[in-house]
Every structure is written in structure tokens, then in C-alpha cells.
Amino acid sequence: MIKFDNEWDGILFDEFAKPYYQRLREFLRGEYAARTVYPPMNDIFNALRRTSYSVVRAVLLGQDPYHGAGQAHGLCFSVRVGVPLPPSLANIFKELKSDLGVAPPASGDLTAWAERGVLLLNTALTVRAGEANSHRGQGWEIFTDEIIKILNDREMPIAFILWGNHARAKRGLITNPQHGVFEAAHPSPLSAHNGFFGCRHFSRVNDFLTAAGLRPLDWRL
């Protein structure tokens, strides 16, 4: 039994009984038994455990977990304390400093963002070591699309942050006009200069939240 110890337990209870998720579960059993898979099994659902349904103020959408040893721990773009910053995360911190003057932190652990209401959700929650997108199309996208739809139906406004073509492809799931959608290029070194740098999403998200009568996010780490 998967437990989040928050509101997601009730909200997603029926999802785990659906045929697609049962197939995904069997696939993952085989993958974790025969291969090296990230993140560790107990960290797969960290995004949902750290950010309960009613406290979500922003959704930062990633693609799949980092596929290098020791990097992924269930929060998109985040790495544990002591792990060198991946290039995309280093660029996120550069934009944060440019936008809000926040000095780059010593650690790439984004858990503090999650605990303040930023759902750090990848669209696929697992990956084989060294093989990006290797668990794509196995059922994770159905599961995470359902989470986006559930949040889209929420009355309280949410800021959806979509960086890169993969995340921007989910734009069609966000139909509620009271939510804010913030789109830009991916922070990867291959694309960051094509519209990620200078997007000022950190301050723009806070402006949106403030205008909606909600507390702005503290982006400091």
C-alpha cells in the first residue's frame, strides 16, 4: 500500500487500483529487481509526500528523474545535499539570482520549496540508470496527468511552471482560467539561452499569487 500521509491518500486511492497502474507496478517490480533504477524505491513519491493537495501554490513540471548515481530523490530538478549541481539546476539558480537577487545556495536540495507549496512533479517518476526517458510510456504519464487534472479542477489559483517542450505539452490539461501558466525554454545548457534566462518566472509567479490574494513563495534555500 502506497501511503503519502496527507490528503493525496484519499484523492489518489482509486488510481492505484486501475489496470494501467497495476501494469506499471508489475513493470517496476521487474525493473527494480533486474536493473539499477532511480530514484530509490522509497523516494518515488516524495513530491506528493512533501506537498499535500491543499497547500499546492505552484507546480513545477519536470520530465523524468536524473539518471546519474545518487542524484534523483523524487523531486524534479532537485538533488540531495552534497551532490554536485546538475547543469539545469545551476541555470535555475542563475535565473533566481538574476530575477530576485537570491544568492545560489550551497546545496541543490529543493525540499524547502516543496514544503512551502511547490509541487516538484516529474511526468515520469522513475528511470533506468544512464538511460534518460527509459520509463516513458509505461504508465507514469497517465498517473501524473491525472494529478495535473485534479489540481486544474481546484478552486484556489495555482501557478503552473512549464519549462521546455515536454512540460509545455501539458498546457492543454490546464483549462481553468483562474490558474496561471508560465512557459519558457528548458533550463538545460542546450536551451537556456533561448528563453529561459530572463523569463523571471520566480517574481512573476509571486506577482500572480499576490494578485490572487495568496502569500507569495519564499524561493530562498
C-alpha atoms as a PDB file:
ATOM      1  CA  MET A   1       0.000   0.000   0.000  1.00  0.00           C
ATOM      2  CA  ILE A   2       1.360   3.388  -1.024  1.00  0.00           C
ATOM      3  CA  LYS A   3       0.992   5.980   1.723  1.00  0.00           C
ATOM      4  CA  PHE A   4       1.534   9.726   1.461  1.00  0.00           C
ATOM      5  CA  ASP A   5       0.327  10.569   4.984  1.00  0.00           C
ATOM      6  CA  ASN A   6      -1.621  13.553   3.665  1.00  0.00           C
ATOM      7  CA  GLU A   7      -4.664  14.391   1.519  1.00  0.00           C
ATOM      8  CA  TRP A   8      -3.287  12.599  -1.532  1.00  0.00           C
ATOM      9  CA  ASP A   9      -4.044   9.268   0.202  1.00  0.00           C
ATOM     10  CA  GLY A  10      -7.769   9.755  -0.269  1.00  0.00           C
ATOM     11  CA  ILE A  11      -7.599  11.669  -3.528  1.00  0.00           C
ATOM     12  CA  LEU A  12      -5.481   9.075  -5.345  1.00  0.00           C
ATOM     13  CA  PHE A  13      -6.737   5.938  -3.579  1.00  0.00           C
ATOM     14  CA  ASP A  14      -8.733   4.665  -6.563  1.00  0.00           C
ATOM     15  CA  GLU A  15      -5.935   5.438  -9.032  1.00  0.00           C
ATOM     16  CA  PHE A  16      -3.740   2.627  -7.728  1.00  0.00           C
ATOM     17  CA  ALA A  17      -6.422   0.011  -8.464  1.00  0.00           C
ATOM     18  CA  LYS A  18      -6.761   0.939 -12.139  1.00  0.00           C
ATOM     19  CA  PRO A  19      -5.441  -1.535 -14.728  1.00  0.00           C
ATOM     20  CA  TYR A  20      -2.790   0.846 -16.125  1.00  0.00           C
ATOM     21  CA  TYR A  21      -1.280   1.333 -12.672  1.00  0.00           C
ATOM     22  CA  GLN A  22      -1.299  -2.391 -11.949  1.00  0.00           C
ATOM     23  CA  ARG A  23       0.650  -2.922 -15.185  1.00  0.00           C
ATOM     24  CA  LEU A  24       3.050  -0.137 -14.222  1.00  0.00           C
ATOM     25  CA  ARG A  25       3.528  -1.707 -10.798  1.00  0.00           C
ATOM     26  CA  GLU A  26       4.476  -5.062 -12.322  1.00  0.00           C
ATOM     27  CA  PHE A  27       6.856  -3.352 -14.734  1.00  0.00           C
ATOM     28  CA  LEU A  28       8.561  -1.529 -11.862  1.00  0.00           C
ATOM     29  CA  ARG A  29       8.908  -4.720  -9.821  1.00  0.00           C
ATOM     30  CA  GLY A  30      10.839  -6.263 -12.675  1.00  0.00           C
ATOM     31  CA  GLU A  31      12.925  -3.151 -13.293  1.00  0.00           C
ATOM     32  CA  TYR A  32      13.982  -2.674  -9.674  1.00  0.00           C
ATOM     33  CA  ALA A  33      14.761  -6.398  -9.365  1.00  0.00           C
ATOM     34  CA  ALA A  34      16.873  -6.666 -12.516  1.00  0.00           C
ATOM     35  CA  ARG A  35      18.348  -3.201 -13.112  1.00  0.00           C
ATOM     36  CA  THR A  36      19.569  -0.080 -11.359  1.00  0.00           C
ATOM     37  CA  VAL A  37      16.644   2.327 -11.234  1.00  0.00           C
ATOM     38  CA  TYR A  38      16.388   5.850  -9.834  1.00  0.00           C
ATOM     39  CA  PRO A  39      15.243   7.214  -7.504  1.00  0.00           C
ATOM     40  CA  PRO A  40      15.399   4.634  -4.703  1.00  0.00           C
ATOM     41  CA  MET A  41      12.035   2.928  -4.386  1.00  0.00           C
ATOM     42  CA  ASN A  42      11.132   4.703  -1.136  1.00  0.00           C
ATOM     43  CA  ASP A  43      11.696   8.111  -2.769  1.00  0.00           C
ATOM     44  CA  ILE A  44       9.469   7.659  -5.846  1.00  0.00           C
ATOM     45  CA  PHE A  45       6.542   9.634  -4.413  1.00  0.00           C
ATOM     46  CA  ASN A  46       8.447  12.268  -2.444  1.00  0.00           C
ATOM     47  CA  ALA A  47       6.849  15.151  -4.394  1.00  0.00           C
ATOM     48  CA  LEU A  48       3.371  14.109  -3.246  1.00  0.00           C
ATOM     49  CA  ARG A  49       4.516  13.333   0.285  1.00  0.00           C
ATOM     50  CA  ARG A  50       6.182  16.715   0.704  1.00  0.00           C
ATOM     51  CA  THR A  51       3.407  18.826  -0.858  1.00  0.00           C
ATOM     52  CA  SER A  52      -0.135  17.930   0.095  1.00  0.00           C
ATOM     53  CA  TYR A  53      -3.044  18.786  -2.192  1.00  0.00           C
ATOM     54  CA  SER A  54      -4.432  21.816  -0.368  1.00  0.00           C
ATOM     55  CA  VAL A  55      -1.048  23.515   0.145  1.00  0.00           C
ATOM     56  CA  VAL A  56      -0.029  23.470  -3.550  1.00  0.00           C
ATOM     57  CA  ARG A  57       0.543  27.032  -4.709  1.00  0.00           C
ATOM     58  CA  ALA A  58       2.751  26.232  -7.697  1.00  0.00           C
ATOM     59  CA  VAL A  59       3.513  23.182  -9.826  1.00  0.00           C
ATOM     60  CA  LEU A  60       6.982  22.899 -11.362  1.00  0.00           C
ATOM     61  CA  LEU A  61       6.812  20.205 -14.003  1.00  0.00           C
ATOM     62  CA  GLY A  62       9.848  18.136 -14.957  1.00  0.00           C
ATOM     63  CA  GLN A  63      10.295  15.263 -17.390  1.00  0.00           C
ATOM     64  CA  ASP A  64      11.888  12.255 -15.677  1.00  0.00           C
ATOM     65  CA  PRO A  65      14.337  11.839 -12.788  1.00  0.00           C
ATOM     66  CA  TYR A  66      18.070  12.382 -13.090  1.00  0.00           C
ATOM     67  CA  HIS A  67      19.621   9.118 -14.269  1.00  0.00           C
ATOM     68  CA  GLY A  68      23.041   9.509 -12.583  1.00  0.00           C
ATOM     69  CA  ALA A  69      24.010   7.771  -9.361  1.00  0.00           C
ATOM     70  CA  GLY A  70      22.871   9.493  -6.180  1.00  0.00           C
ATOM     71  CA  GLN A  71      21.076  12.381  -7.882  1.00  0.00           C
ATOM     72  CA  ALA A  72      17.326  11.708  -8.015  1.00  0.00           C
ATOM     73  CA  HIS A  73      15.305  11.696  -4.812  1.00  0.00           C
ATOM     74  CA  GLY A  74      11.750  12.165  -6.008  1.00  0.00           C
ATOM     75  CA  LEU A  75      11.608  15.954  -6.506  1.00  0.00           C
ATOM     76  CA  CYS A  76      12.045  17.304 -10.034  1.00  0.00           C
ATOM     77  CA  PHE A  77      15.291  19.212 -10.677  1.00  0.00           C
ATOM     78  CA  SER A  78      16.394  18.558  -7.053  1.00  0.00           C
ATOM     79  CA  VAL A  79      19.442  16.650  -5.777  1.00  0.00           C
ATOM     80  CA  ARG A  80      20.368  15.697  -2.249  1.00  0.00           C
ATOM     81  CA  VAL A  81      22.736  17.700  -0.084  1.00  0.00           C
ATOM     82  CA  GLY A  82      26.335  17.085  -1.108  1.00  0.00           C
ATOM     83  CA  VAL A  83      25.552  16.082  -4.695  1.00  0.00           C
ATOM     84  CA  PRO A  84      27.122  18.384  -7.351  1.00  0.00           C
ATOM     85  CA  LEU A  85      24.633  20.634  -9.100  1.00  0.00           C
ATOM     86  CA  PRO A  86      23.415  19.292 -12.459  1.00  0.00           C
ATOM     87  CA  PRO A  87      23.740  21.945 -15.209  1.00  0.00           C
ATOM     88  CA  SER A  88      19.984  22.583 -15.445  1.00  0.00           C
ATOM     89  CA  LEU A  89      19.727  23.219 -11.712  1.00  0.00           C
ATOM     90  CA  ALA A  90      22.750  25.525 -11.804  1.00  0.00           C
ATOM     91  CA  ASN A  91      20.966  27.542 -14.500  1.00  0.00           C
ATOM     92  CA  ILE A  92      17.784  27.659 -12.408  1.00  0.00           C
ATOM     93  CA  PHE A  93      19.794  29.190  -9.584  1.00  0.00           C
ATOM     94  CA  LYS A  94      21.352  31.704 -12.009  1.00  0.00           C
ATOM     95  CA  GLU A  95      17.902  32.834 -13.100  1.00  0.00           C
ATOM     96  CA  LEU A  96      16.746  33.008  -9.485  1.00  0.00           C
ATOM     97  CA  LYS A  97      19.642  35.321  -8.647  1.00  0.00           C
ATOM     98  CA  SER A  98      19.041  37.469 -11.730  1.00  0.00           C
ATOM     99  CA  ASP A  99      15.321  37.712 -11.017  1.00  0.00           C
ATOM    100  CA  LEU A 100      15.122  38.085  -7.237  1.00  0.00           C
ATOM    101  CA  GLY A 101      18.729  38.582  -6.151  1.00  0.00           C
ATOM    102  CA  VAL A 102      18.727  35.286  -4.260  1.00  0.00           C
ATOM    103  CA  ALA A 103      22.293  34.022  -3.918  1.00  0.00           C
ATOM    104  CA  PRO A 104      22.838  30.500  -5.288  1.00  0.00           C
ATOM    105  CA  PRO A 105      22.593  28.041  -2.390  1.00  0.00           C
ATOM    106  CA  ALA A 106      25.335  25.618  -1.466  1.00  0.00           C
ATOM    107  CA  SER A 107      23.007  22.654  -1.948  1.00  0.00           C
ATOM    108  CA  GLY A 108      20.726  21.613  -4.785  1.00  0.00           C
ATOM    109  CA  ASP A 109      18.154  20.109  -2.414  1.00  0.00           C
ATOM    110  CA  LEU A 110      14.800  21.787  -3.222  1.00  0.00           C
ATOM    111  CA  THR A 111      12.883  20.169  -0.365  1.00  0.00           C
ATOM    112  CA  ALA A 112      12.252  23.587   1.192  1.00  0.00           C
ATOM    113  CA  TRP A 113      10.373  24.671  -1.944  1.00  0.00           C
ATOM    114  CA  ALA A 114       8.231  21.530  -1.759  1.00  0.00           C
ATOM    115  CA  GLU A 115       7.385  22.169   1.880  1.00  0.00           C
ATOM    116  CA  ARG A 116       6.322  25.733   1.027  1.00  0.00           C
ATOM    117  CA  GLY A 117       3.829  24.637  -1.607  1.00  0.00           C
ATOM    118  CA  VAL A 118       5.776  23.974  -4.826  1.00  0.00           C
ATOM    119  CA  LEU A 119       4.830  20.554  -6.192  1.00  0.00           C
ATOM    120  CA  LEU A 120       8.063  19.361  -7.827  1.00  0.00           C
ATOM    121  CA  LEU A 121       6.496  16.809 -10.148  1.00  0.00           C
ATOM    122  CA  ASN A 122       8.176  14.830 -12.907  1.00  0.00           C
ATOM    123  CA  THR A 123       5.874  13.396 -15.574  1.00  0.00           C
ATOM    124  CA  ALA A 124       7.618  10.014 -15.214  1.00  0.00           C
ATOM    125  CA  LEU A 125       8.664   9.172 -11.682  1.00  0.00           C
ATOM    126  CA  THR A 126      11.363   6.556 -12.354  1.00  0.00           C
ATOM    127  CA  VAL A 127      14.214   5.941 -14.820  1.00  0.00           C
ATOM    128  CA  ARG A 128      16.915   3.359 -15.527  1.00  0.00           C
ATOM    129  CA  ALA A 129      20.451   4.331 -14.617  1.00  0.00           C
ATOM    130  CA  GLY A 130      22.125   6.095 -17.520  1.00  0.00           C
ATOM    131  CA  GLU A 131      19.055   5.893 -19.779  1.00  0.00           C
ATOM    132  CA  ALA A 132      17.030   9.092 -19.960  1.00  0.00           C
ATOM    133  CA  ASN A 133      13.323   8.579 -20.729  1.00  0.00           C
ATOM    134  CA  SER A 134      13.682   4.806 -20.319  1.00  0.00           C
ATOM    135  CA  HIS A 135      10.436   4.524 -18.305  1.00  0.00           C
ATOM    136  CA  ARG A 136       8.487   6.771 -20.622  1.00  0.00           C
ATOM    137  CA  GLY A 137       5.234   5.295 -21.893  1.00  0.00           C
ATOM    138  CA  GLN A 138       4.895   2.706 -19.121  1.00  0.00           C
ATOM    139  CA  GLY A 139       2.005   4.414 -17.370  1.00  0.00           C
ATOM    140  CA  TRP A 140       3.559   7.185 -15.328  1.00  0.00           C
ATOM    141  CA  GLU A 141       2.249   9.848 -17.698  1.00  0.00           C
ATOM    142  CA  ILE A 142      -1.323   8.664 -17.130  1.00  0.00           C
ATOM    143  CA  PHE A 143      -0.789   8.941 -13.383  1.00  0.00           C
ATOM    144  CA  THR A 144       0.838  12.375 -13.434  1.00  0.00           C
ATOM    145  CA  ASP A 145      -1.645  13.726 -16.000  1.00  0.00           C
ATOM    146  CA  GLU A 146      -4.379  12.772 -13.543  1.00  0.00           C
ATOM    147  CA  ILE A 147      -2.640  14.781 -10.822  1.00  0.00           C
ATOM    148  CA  ILE A 148      -2.473  17.814 -13.127  1.00  0.00           C
ATOM    149  CA  LYS A 149      -6.188  17.421 -13.954  1.00  0.00           C
ATOM    150  CA  ILE A 150      -7.085  17.145 -10.262  1.00  0.00           C
ATOM    151  CA  LEU A 151      -5.168  20.336  -9.492  1.00  0.00           C
ATOM    152  CA  ASN A 152      -6.667  22.056 -12.539  1.00  0.00           C
ATOM    153  CA  ASP A 153     -10.113  21.430 -11.017  1.00  0.00           C
ATOM    154  CA  ARG A 154      -9.168  23.070  -7.728  1.00  0.00           C
ATOM    155  CA  GLU A 155     -10.825  26.403  -6.949  1.00  0.00           C
ATOM    156  CA  MET A 156      -7.795  28.047  -5.361  1.00  0.00           C
ATOM    157  CA  PRO A 157      -5.459  29.502  -8.033  1.00  0.00           C
ATOM    158  CA  ILE A 158      -2.240  27.641  -8.818  1.00  0.00           C
ATOM    159  CA  ALA A 159       0.807  28.747 -10.815  1.00  0.00           C
ATOM    160  CA  PHE A 160       1.860  26.072 -13.315  1.00  0.00           C
ATOM    161  CA  ILE A 161       5.509  26.433 -14.377  1.00  0.00           C
ATOM    162  CA  LEU A 162       6.284  24.698 -17.665  1.00  0.00           C
ATOM    163  CA  TRP A 163       9.930  24.729 -18.771  1.00  0.00           C
ATOM    164  CA  GLY A 164      10.789  23.011 -22.045  1.00  0.00           C
ATOM    165  CA  ASN A 165       8.740  21.383 -24.784  1.00  0.00           C
ATOM    166  CA  HIS A 166       7.904  18.282 -22.765  1.00  0.00           C
ATOM    167  CA  ALA A 167       6.371  20.289 -19.924  1.00  0.00           C
ATOM    168  CA  ARG A 168       4.716  22.741 -22.302  1.00  0.00           C
ATOM    169  CA  ALA A 169       2.959  19.826 -23.996  1.00  0.00           C
ATOM    170  CA  LYS A 170       0.868  19.543 -20.812  1.00  0.00           C
ATOM    171  CA  ARG A 171      -0.540  23.044 -21.347  1.00  0.00           C
ATOM    172  CA  GLY A 172      -3.763  21.601 -22.730  1.00  0.00           C
ATOM    173  CA  LEU A 173      -4.555  19.937 -19.387  1.00  0.00           C
ATOM    174  CA  ILE A 174      -4.700  23.318 -17.647  1.00  0.00           C
ATOM    175  CA  THR A 175      -8.088  24.701 -18.684  1.00  0.00           C
ATOM    176  CA  ASN A 176      -9.228  26.526 -15.563  1.00  0.00           C
ATOM    177  CA  PRO A 177      -8.835  30.268 -16.287  1.00  0.00           C
ATOM    178  CA  GLN A 178      -8.108  31.167 -12.676  1.00  0.00           C
ATOM    179  CA  HIS A 179      -4.781  29.334 -12.772  1.00  0.00           C
ATOM    180  CA  GLY A 180      -1.600  30.955 -14.065  1.00  0.00           C
ATOM    181  CA  VAL A 181       0.578  29.246 -16.672  1.00  0.00           C
ATOM    182  CA  PHE A 182       4.236  30.249 -17.044  1.00  0.00           C
ATOM    183  CA  GLU A 183       6.050  28.806 -20.068  1.00  0.00           C
ATOM    184  CA  ALA A 184       9.706  29.080 -21.074  1.00  0.00           C
ATOM    185  CA  ALA A 185      12.551  27.123 -22.614  1.00  0.00           C
ATOM    186  CA  HIS A 186      14.134  24.354 -20.573  1.00  0.00           C
ATOM    187  CA  PRO A 187      16.973  25.418 -18.219  1.00  0.00           C
ATOM    188  CA  SER A 188      19.341  22.902 -19.836  1.00  0.00           C
ATOM    189  CA  PRO A 189      22.544  24.478 -21.214  1.00  0.00           C
ATOM    190  CA  LEU A 190      21.310  23.418 -24.661  1.00  0.00           C
ATOM    191  CA  SER A 191      18.265  25.684 -24.482  1.00  0.00           C
ATOM    192  CA  ALA A 192      18.533  28.079 -21.522  1.00  0.00           C
ATOM    193  CA  HIS A 193      19.623  30.985 -23.735  1.00  0.00           C
ATOM    194  CA  ASN A 194      16.548  30.504 -25.935  1.00  0.00           C
ATOM    195  CA  GLY A 195      14.110  31.988 -23.446  1.00  0.00           C
ATOM    196  CA  PHE A 196      14.736  30.503 -20.026  1.00  0.00           C
ATOM    197  CA  PHE A 197      17.228  33.131 -18.924  1.00  0.00           C
ATOM    198  CA  GLY A 198      15.260  36.319 -18.410  1.00  0.00           C
ATOM    199  CA  CYS A 199      11.874  34.636 -18.051  1.00  0.00           C
ATOM    200  CA  ARG A 200      11.629  35.990 -14.475  1.00  0.00           C
ATOM    201  CA  HIS A 201       9.197  33.249 -13.511  1.00  0.00           C
ATOM    202  CA  PHE A 202      10.070  33.423  -9.820  1.00  0.00           C
ATOM    203  CA  SER A 203       8.904  37.018  -9.467  1.00  0.00           C
ATOM    204  CA  ARG A 204       6.076  36.582 -11.976  1.00  0.00           C
ATOM    205  CA  VAL A 205       4.692  33.621 -10.052  1.00  0.00           C
ATOM    206  CA  ASN A 206       4.773  35.680  -6.857  1.00  0.00           C
ATOM    207  CA  ASP A 207       3.023  38.563  -8.593  1.00  0.00           C
ATOM    208  CA  PHE A 208       0.320  36.154  -9.749  1.00  0.00           C
ATOM    209  CA  LEU A 209      -0.130  34.672  -6.285  1.00  0.00           C
ATOM    210  CA  THR A 210      -0.251  38.093  -4.654  1.00  0.00           C
ATOM    211  CA  ALA A 211      -2.852  39.304  -7.169  1.00  0.00           C
ATOM    212  CA  ALA A 212      -4.928  36.229  -6.315  1.00  0.00           C
ATOM    213  CA  GLY A 213      -4.802  37.119  -2.623  1.00  0.00           C
ATOM    214  CA  LEU A 214      -2.339  34.374  -1.755  1.00  0.00           C
ATOM    215  CA  ARG A 215       1.015  34.529   0.001  1.00  0.00           C
ATOM    216  CA  PRO A 216       3.988  34.781  -2.363  1.00  0.00           C
ATOM    217  CA  LEU A 217       6.515  31.975  -2.300  1.00  0.00           C
ATOM    218  CA  ASP A 218       9.811  32.244  -0.446  1.00  0.00           C
ATOM    219  CA  TRP A 219      12.273  31.000  -3.079  1.00  0.00           C
ATOM    220  CA  ARG A 220      15.305  31.117  -0.786  1.00  0.00           C
ATOM    221  CA  LEU A 221      17.018  27.841   0.084  1.00  0.00           C
END
